[in-house]
Amino acid sequence: MLPWIWADTNQVQATTGVLSVIVTLVGFFLLWRQIKQVDLSSRGQTHSYLYTHQDSITRFFIEHPDLRPFFYENKELSNNEVDSVIIKAVTEMVADFSEHIYLQLPNLPKDISEGWEFYMKNLYNRSPILRTHFDDNKDW
């Protein structure tokens, strides 16, 4: 009289086990997808912050075109430079931007991070005052 109850119970347990596995796999897939979306969003925000920072520096150089050659055209800072204090402060601003880029490189897709690395190397190679700043402040 009870064997048919045991058969139904075993079938219910087997079905429940299979459904549990399916629900777990679907849950893992949805979790993985959500993590990917958060990662993409984070990378997008990082990229946006870098461009915003770069835009502010570009606008600064538009407003002060006399300072741009010190960073993009290998212009040396002479001993009698009237604005040497300002130029050194701008150098620190550009150096801080380079640090911002460097710290964010791991958060960017490879092709985008390579572009920023090229930008930093180019900036470093074309700015004697920036190289001097980094050499003089290695402890920072």
N, C-alpha and C. Protein backbone atom coordinates (compact mmCIF):
# COMPACT_ATOMS: atom_id res chain seq x y z
N MET A 1 0.81 -1.18 0.00
CA MET A 1 0.00 0.00 0.00
C MET A 1 0.87 1.27 0.00
N LEU A 2 2.03 1.31 0.61
CA LEU A 2 2.87 2.50 0.68
C LEU A 2 3.93 2.60 -0.43
N PRO A 3 4.23 1.55 -1.19
CA PRO A 3 5.30 1.68 -2.18
C PRO A 3 5.05 2.79 -3.20
N TRP A 4 3.80 3.03 -3.60
CA TRP A 4 3.55 4.09 -4.60
C TRP A 4 3.83 5.48 -4.02
N ILE A 5 3.71 5.66 -2.70
CA ILE A 5 4.03 6.93 -2.05
C ILE A 5 5.53 7.18 -2.13
N TRP A 6 6.32 6.11 -1.88
CA TRP A 6 7.78 6.26 -1.93
C TRP A 6 8.23 6.60 -3.36
N ALA A 7 7.61 6.01 -4.33
CA ALA A 7 7.97 6.27 -5.73
C ALA A 7 7.70 7.73 -6.08
N ASP A 8 6.54 8.24 -5.66
CA ASP A 8 6.23 9.64 -5.95
C ASP A 8 7.16 10.58 -5.20
N THR A 9 7.51 10.26 -3.99
CA THR A 9 8.41 11.08 -3.18
C THR A 9 9.79 11.13 -3.83
N ASN A 10 10.29 10.00 -4.31
CA ASN A 10 11.60 9.97 -4.97
C ASN A 10 11.59 10.80 -6.25
N GLN A 11 10.48 10.74 -6.97
CA GLN A 11 10.36 11.51 -8.20
C GLN A 11 10.30 13.01 -7.89
N VAL A 12 9.59 13.37 -6.85
CA VAL A 12 9.51 14.78 -6.44
C VAL A 12 10.88 15.27 -6.01
N GLN A 13 11.61 14.47 -5.24
CA GLN A 13 12.94 14.87 -4.79
C GLN A 13 13.90 15.02 -5.98
N ALA A 14 13.82 14.11 -6.93
CA ALA A 14 14.69 14.20 -8.11
C ALA A 14 14.37 15.45 -8.91
N THR A 15 13.09 15.71 -9.11
CA THR A 15 12.67 16.90 -9.86
C THR A 15 13.10 18.17 -9.14
N THR A 16 12.92 18.19 -7.83
CA THR A 16 13.33 19.34 -7.02
C THR A 16 14.84 19.55 -7.12
N GLY A 17 15.60 18.48 -7.08
CA GLY A 17 17.06 18.58 -7.20
C GLY A 17 17.48 19.16 -8.54
N VAL A 18 16.84 18.70 -9.61
CA VAL A 18 17.16 19.21 -10.94
C VAL A 18 16.78 20.69 -11.05
N LEU A 19 15.60 21.04 -10.56
CA LEU A 19 15.16 22.44 -10.59
C LEU A 19 16.09 23.33 -9.77
N SER A 20 16.56 22.83 -8.64
CA SER A 20 17.50 23.60 -7.81
C SER A 20 18.79 23.89 -8.56
N VAL A 21 19.28 22.90 -9.28
CA VAL A 21 20.50 23.10 -10.07
C VAL A 21 20.26 24.13 -11.17
N ILE A 22 19.13 24.03 -11.84
CA ILE A 22 18.81 24.98 -12.92
C ILE A 22 18.68 26.40 -12.37
N VAL A 23 17.96 26.55 -11.27
CA VAL A 23 17.79 27.88 -10.66
C VAL A 23 19.15 28.43 -10.23
N THR A 24 20.01 27.60 -9.66
CA THR A 24 21.34 28.04 -9.24
C THR A 24 22.17 28.50 -10.44
N LEU A 25 22.14 27.73 -11.53
CA LEU A 25 22.90 28.10 -12.72
C LEU A 25 22.38 29.41 -13.32
N VAL A 26 21.07 29.57 -13.37
CA VAL A 26 20.50 30.82 -13.88
C VAL A 26 20.91 31.99 -12.97
N GLY A 27 20.90 31.76 -11.67
CA GLY A 27 21.32 32.80 -10.73
C GLY A 27 22.77 33.20 -10.92
N PHE A 28 23.65 32.20 -11.11
CA PHE A 28 25.06 32.50 -11.36
C PHE A 28 25.23 33.27 -12.66
N PHE A 29 24.50 32.89 -13.70
CA PHE A 29 24.57 33.60 -14.97
C PHE A 29 24.14 35.06 -14.80
N LEU A 30 23.03 35.28 -14.12
CA LEU A 30 22.54 36.64 -13.91
C LEU A 30 23.52 37.46 -13.07
N LEU A 31 24.12 36.84 -12.06
CA LEU A 31 25.12 37.51 -11.23
C LEU A 31 26.34 37.89 -12.07
N TRP A 32 26.81 36.95 -12.89
CA TRP A 32 27.96 37.21 -13.76
C TRP A 32 27.66 38.37 -14.71
N ARG A 33 26.46 38.37 -15.28
CA ARG A 33 26.06 39.43 -16.19
C ARG A 33 26.01 40.78 -15.49
N GLN A 34 25.52 40.80 -14.27
CA GLN A 34 25.45 42.04 -13.50
C GLN A 34 26.85 42.55 -13.18
N ILE A 35 27.75 41.66 -12.83
CA ILE A 35 29.14 42.05 -12.55
C ILE A 35 29.78 42.64 -13.79
N LYS A 36 29.52 42.04 -14.95
CA LYS A 36 30.06 42.57 -16.21
C LYS A 36 29.53 43.98 -16.47
N GLN A 37 28.24 44.20 -16.21
CA GLN A 37 27.64 45.52 -16.42
C GLN A 37 28.26 46.56 -15.49
N VAL A 38 28.48 46.18 -14.24
CA VAL A 38 29.11 47.10 -13.28
C VAL A 38 30.53 47.41 -13.74
N ASP A 39 31.25 46.40 -14.23
CA ASP A 39 32.61 46.60 -14.71
C ASP A 39 32.62 47.56 -15.90
N LEU A 40 31.73 47.35 -16.85
CA LEU A 40 31.65 48.25 -18.01
C LEU A 40 31.30 49.67 -17.59
N SER A 41 30.38 49.80 -16.66
CA SER A 41 30.00 51.11 -16.17
C SER A 41 31.17 51.80 -15.49
N SER A 42 31.90 51.06 -14.67
CA SER A 42 33.07 51.61 -13.97
C SER A 42 34.13 52.06 -14.97
N ARG A 43 34.38 51.26 -15.99
CA ARG A 43 35.36 51.63 -17.01
C ARG A 43 34.92 52.89 -17.75
N GLY A 44 33.63 52.96 -18.04
CA GLY A 44 33.11 54.14 -18.73
C GLY A 44 33.26 55.40 -17.88
N GLN A 45 33.00 55.28 -16.60
CA GLN A 45 33.15 56.43 -15.70
C GLN A 45 34.62 56.85 -15.61
N THR A 46 35.51 55.87 -15.52
CA THR A 46 36.94 56.17 -15.45
C THR A 46 37.37 56.94 -16.69
N HIS A 47 36.95 56.44 -17.85
CA HIS A 47 37.30 57.09 -19.10
C HIS A 47 36.73 58.50 -19.15
N SER A 48 35.51 58.66 -18.70
CA SER A 48 34.86 59.97 -18.68
C SER A 48 35.62 60.94 -17.77
N TYR A 49 36.02 60.46 -16.59
CA TYR A 49 36.76 61.32 -15.66
C TYR A 49 38.08 61.78 -16.26
N LEU A 50 38.76 60.87 -16.95
CA LEU A 50 40.04 61.25 -17.55
C LEU A 50 39.83 62.30 -18.64
N TYR A 51 38.82 62.11 -19.48
CA TYR A 51 38.57 63.09 -20.52
C TYR A 51 38.14 64.43 -19.95
N THR A 52 37.38 64.42 -18.87
CA THR A 52 36.98 65.67 -18.22
C THR A 52 38.21 66.39 -17.67
N HIS A 53 39.10 65.61 -17.05
CA HIS A 53 40.32 66.20 -16.50
C HIS A 53 41.18 66.76 -17.64
N GLN A 54 41.32 65.98 -18.71
CA GLN A 54 42.11 66.44 -19.85
C GLN A 54 41.48 67.69 -20.47
N ASP A 55 40.17 67.71 -20.56
CA ASP A 55 39.48 68.87 -21.12
C ASP A 55 39.77 70.13 -20.30
N SER A 56 39.81 70.01 -18.99
CA SER A 56 40.09 71.19 -18.16
C SER A 56 41.52 71.69 -18.39
N ILE A 57 42.44 70.77 -18.60
CA ILE A 57 43.83 71.18 -18.87
C ILE A 57 43.92 71.80 -20.26
N THR A 58 43.24 71.23 -21.22
CA THR A 58 43.24 71.79 -22.57
C THR A 58 42.66 73.21 -22.56
N ARG A 59 41.56 73.38 -21.83
CA ARG A 59 40.96 74.73 -21.72
C ARG A 59 41.92 75.70 -21.04
N PHE A 60 42.65 75.21 -20.05
CA PHE A 60 43.64 76.05 -19.38
C PHE A 60 44.67 76.55 -20.39
N PHE A 61 45.15 75.63 -21.23
CA PHE A 61 46.16 76.03 -22.22
C PHE A 61 45.57 76.92 -23.31
N ILE A 62 44.29 76.80 -23.58
CA ILE A 62 43.65 77.73 -24.52
C ILE A 62 43.62 79.13 -23.92
N GLU A 63 43.36 79.21 -22.63
CA GLU A 63 43.33 80.51 -21.94
C GLU A 63 44.73 81.08 -21.71
N HIS A 64 45.73 80.19 -21.67
CA HIS A 64 47.12 80.60 -21.42
C HIS A 64 48.03 79.97 -22.48
N PRO A 65 47.90 80.39 -23.73
CA PRO A 65 48.67 79.75 -24.81
C PRO A 65 50.18 79.91 -24.67
N ASP A 66 50.61 80.90 -23.93
CA ASP A 66 52.05 81.13 -23.73
C ASP A 66 52.68 80.03 -22.88
N LEU A 67 51.87 79.27 -22.12
CA LEU A 67 52.41 78.22 -21.26
C LEU A 67 52.48 76.86 -21.96
N ARG A 68 51.67 76.68 -22.99
CA ARG A 68 51.58 75.39 -23.67
C ARG A 68 52.93 74.89 -24.21
N PRO A 69 53.76 75.75 -24.82
CA PRO A 69 55.04 75.26 -25.36
C PRO A 69 55.95 74.59 -24.33
N PHE A 70 55.78 74.91 -23.05
CA PHE A 70 56.60 74.27 -22.02
C PHE A 70 56.26 72.79 -21.85
N PHE A 71 55.09 72.39 -22.37
CA PHE A 71 54.63 71.02 -22.18
C PHE A 71 54.49 70.23 -23.48
N TYR A 72 54.42 70.92 -24.58
CA TYR A 72 54.19 70.22 -25.84
C TYR A 72 55.22 70.52 -26.93
N GLU A 73 56.11 71.48 -26.67
CA GLU A 73 57.04 71.90 -27.73
C GLU A 73 58.49 71.98 -27.25
N ASN A 74 58.83 71.30 -26.19
CA ASN A 74 60.22 71.24 -25.68
C ASN A 74 60.79 72.59 -25.28
N LYS A 75 59.96 73.54 -24.93
CA LYS A 75 60.48 74.85 -24.50
C LYS A 75 61.08 74.72 -23.11
N GLU A 76 62.28 75.24 -22.98
CA GLU A 76 63.00 75.21 -21.71
C GLU A 76 62.59 76.40 -20.84
N LEU A 77 62.62 76.21 -19.56
CA LEU A 77 62.37 77.30 -18.61
C LEU A 77 63.69 78.03 -18.41
N SER A 78 63.71 79.31 -18.77
CA SER A 78 64.95 80.09 -18.60
C SER A 78 65.02 80.66 -17.19
N ASN A 79 66.23 81.06 -16.79
CA ASN A 79 66.45 81.61 -15.45
C ASN A 79 65.75 82.95 -15.25
N ASN A 80 65.54 83.67 -16.32
CA ASN A 80 64.91 84.99 -16.19
C ASN A 80 63.43 84.96 -16.56
N GLU A 81 62.83 83.79 -16.54
CA GLU A 81 61.41 83.65 -16.88
C GLU A 81 60.56 84.36 -15.82
N VAL A 82 59.76 85.32 -16.26
CA VAL A 82 58.95 86.14 -15.36
C VAL A 82 57.91 85.29 -14.64
N ASP A 83 57.30 84.38 -15.36
CA ASP A 83 56.21 83.57 -14.81
C ASP A 83 56.67 82.20 -14.30
N SER A 84 57.89 82.09 -13.84
CA SER A 84 58.41 80.78 -13.45
C SER A 84 57.60 80.13 -12.33
N VAL A 85 57.08 80.91 -11.40
CA VAL A 85 56.26 80.37 -10.31
C VAL A 85 54.97 79.77 -10.88
N ILE A 86 54.37 80.49 -11.81
CA ILE A 86 53.14 80.00 -12.44
C ILE A 86 53.45 78.75 -13.26
N ILE A 87 54.52 78.79 -14.02
CA ILE A 87 54.88 77.64 -14.86
C ILE A 87 55.14 76.41 -14.00
N LYS A 88 55.79 76.58 -12.87
CA LYS A 88 56.04 75.44 -11.97
C LYS A 88 54.74 74.92 -11.37
N ALA A 89 53.81 75.81 -11.06
CA ALA A 89 52.51 75.36 -10.54
C ALA A 89 51.74 74.60 -11.61
N VAL A 90 51.79 75.07 -12.84
CA VAL A 90 51.13 74.37 -13.95
C VAL A 90 51.80 73.01 -14.18
N THR A 91 53.10 72.98 -14.02
CA THR A 91 53.82 71.71 -14.15
C THR A 91 53.31 70.70 -13.13
N GLU A 92 53.08 71.16 -11.93
CA GLU A 92 52.54 70.25 -10.91
C GLU A 92 51.13 69.79 -11.29
N MET A 93 50.34 70.68 -11.86
CA MET A 93 48.99 70.31 -12.31
C MET A 93 49.06 69.24 -13.39
N VAL A 94 49.95 69.41 -14.35
CA VAL A 94 50.10 68.43 -15.43
C VAL A 94 50.66 67.12 -14.88
N ALA A 95 51.58 67.20 -13.93
CA ALA A 95 52.13 65.99 -13.31
C ALA A 95 51.03 65.24 -12.55
N ASP A 96 50.18 65.97 -11.86
CA ASP A 96 49.05 65.34 -11.16
C ASP A 96 48.12 64.64 -12.14
N PHE A 97 47.91 65.27 -13.28
CA PHE A 97 47.07 64.65 -14.31
C PHE A 97 47.72 63.35 -14.81
N SER A 98 49.03 63.38 -14.99
CA SER A 98 49.74 62.17 -15.42
C SER A 98 49.60 61.06 -14.38
N GLU A 99 49.66 61.44 -13.12
CA GLU A 99 49.47 60.45 -12.05
C GLU A 99 48.05 59.90 -12.09
N HIS A 100 47.07 60.76 -12.32
CA HIS A 100 45.68 60.33 -12.42
C HIS A 100 45.54 59.30 -13.55
N ILE A 101 46.14 59.60 -14.69
CA ILE A 101 46.10 58.65 -15.80
C ILE A 101 46.74 57.33 -15.39
N TYR A 102 47.94 57.42 -14.84
CA TYR A 102 48.68 56.21 -14.47
C TYR A 102 47.89 55.32 -13.51
N LEU A 103 47.26 55.94 -12.53
CA LEU A 103 46.50 55.17 -11.55
C LEU A 103 45.23 54.54 -12.14
N GLN A 104 44.71 55.14 -13.19
CA GLN A 104 43.47 54.63 -13.80
C GLN A 104 43.71 53.64 -14.93
N LEU A 105 44.94 53.47 -15.39
CA LEU A 105 45.21 52.57 -16.51
C LEU A 105 44.64 51.16 -16.32
N PRO A 106 44.76 50.56 -15.13
CA PRO A 106 44.21 49.20 -14.97
C PRO A 106 42.68 49.15 -15.10
N ASN A 107 42.02 50.28 -14.97
CA ASN A 107 40.57 50.33 -15.03
C ASN A 107 40.04 50.57 -16.44
N LEU A 108 40.93 50.64 -17.40
CA LEU A 108 40.54 50.95 -18.78
C LEU A 108 40.76 49.74 -19.69
N PRO A 109 39.99 49.65 -20.77
CA PRO A 109 40.26 48.61 -21.76
C PRO A 109 41.67 48.81 -22.35
N LYS A 110 42.26 47.73 -22.80
CA LYS A 110 43.66 47.76 -23.25
C LYS A 110 43.90 48.80 -24.34
N ASP A 111 43.04 48.86 -25.35
CA ASP A 111 43.28 49.80 -26.45
C ASP A 111 43.22 51.25 -25.98
N ILE A 112 42.37 51.54 -25.04
CA ILE A 112 42.26 52.91 -24.52
C ILE A 112 43.43 53.22 -23.59
N SER A 113 43.81 52.27 -22.75
CA SER A 113 44.94 52.51 -21.84
C SER A 113 46.24 52.71 -22.63
N GLU A 114 46.39 52.01 -23.76
CA GLU A 114 47.58 52.20 -24.59
C GLU A 114 47.65 53.62 -25.14
N GLY A 115 46.50 54.17 -25.52
CA GLY A 115 46.46 55.56 -26.00
C GLY A 115 46.88 56.54 -24.93
N TRP A 116 46.38 56.33 -23.70
CA TRP A 116 46.75 57.21 -22.60
C TRP A 116 48.24 57.07 -22.27
N GLU A 117 48.76 55.84 -22.32
CA GLU A 117 50.20 55.65 -22.06
C GLU A 117 51.03 56.40 -23.10
N PHE A 118 50.63 56.31 -24.36
CA PHE A 118 51.33 57.03 -25.42
C PHE A 118 51.28 58.54 -25.16
N TYR A 119 50.11 59.02 -24.76
CA TYR A 119 49.95 60.44 -24.45
C TYR A 119 50.91 60.87 -23.34
N MET A 120 50.97 60.08 -22.25
CA MET A 120 51.85 60.44 -21.13
C MET A 120 53.32 60.44 -21.56
N LYS A 121 53.73 59.42 -22.30
CA LYS A 121 55.13 59.34 -22.75
C LYS A 121 55.47 60.51 -23.67
N ASN A 122 54.54 60.84 -24.55
CA ASN A 122 54.75 61.96 -25.46
C ASN A 122 54.87 63.27 -24.69
N LEU A 123 53.99 63.46 -23.72
CA LEU A 123 54.03 64.66 -22.88
C LEU A 123 55.36 64.74 -22.13
N TYR A 124 55.76 63.63 -21.55
CA TYR A 124 57.02 63.58 -20.80
C TYR A 124 58.21 63.90 -21.71
N ASN A 125 58.21 63.32 -22.90
CA ASN A 125 59.34 63.51 -23.82
C ASN A 125 59.40 64.92 -24.39
N ARG A 126 58.28 65.64 -24.41
CA ARG A 126 58.24 66.98 -25.00
C ARG A 126 58.24 68.10 -23.97
N SER A 127 58.47 67.76 -22.72
CA SER A 127 58.42 68.80 -21.69
C SER A 127 59.62 68.70 -20.74
N PRO A 128 60.66 69.49 -21.00
CA PRO A 128 61.82 69.47 -20.10
C PRO A 128 61.45 69.81 -18.65
N ILE A 129 60.54 70.76 -18.47
CA ILE A 129 60.17 71.16 -17.11
C ILE A 129 59.42 70.03 -16.39
N LEU A 130 58.64 69.26 -17.13
CA LEU A 130 57.93 68.14 -16.53
C LEU A 130 58.92 67.04 -16.12
N ARG A 131 59.90 66.78 -16.97
CA ARG A 131 60.93 65.78 -16.61
C ARG A 131 61.69 66.22 -15.37
N THR A 132 62.05 67.51 -15.32
CA THR A 132 62.75 68.05 -14.14
C THR A 132 61.88 67.91 -12.90
N HIS A 133 60.59 68.21 -13.04
CA HIS A 133 59.66 68.10 -11.91
C HIS A 133 59.64 66.66 -11.37
N PHE A 134 59.52 65.69 -12.27
CA PHE A 134 59.49 64.29 -11.82
C PHE A 134 60.82 63.89 -11.20
N ASP A 135 61.92 64.34 -11.79
CA ASP A 135 63.24 64.00 -11.23
C ASP A 135 63.45 64.64 -9.86
N ASP A 136 63.01 65.88 -9.70
CA ASP A 136 63.21 66.58 -8.43
C ASP A 136 62.27 66.08 -7.32
N ASN A 137 61.20 65.45 -7.69
CA ASN A 137 60.19 65.04 -6.70
C ASN A 137 59.93 63.53 -6.71
N LYS A 138 60.97 62.76 -6.86
CA LYS A 138 60.81 61.29 -6.91
C LYS A 138 60.18 60.73 -5.64
N ASP A 139 60.40 61.38 -4.53
CA ASP A 139 59.85 60.89 -3.27
C ASP A 139 58.32 61.01 -3.20
N TRP A 140 57.76 61.89 -3.99
CA TRP A 140 56.32 62.09 -4.00
C TRP A 140 55.64 60.87 -4.60
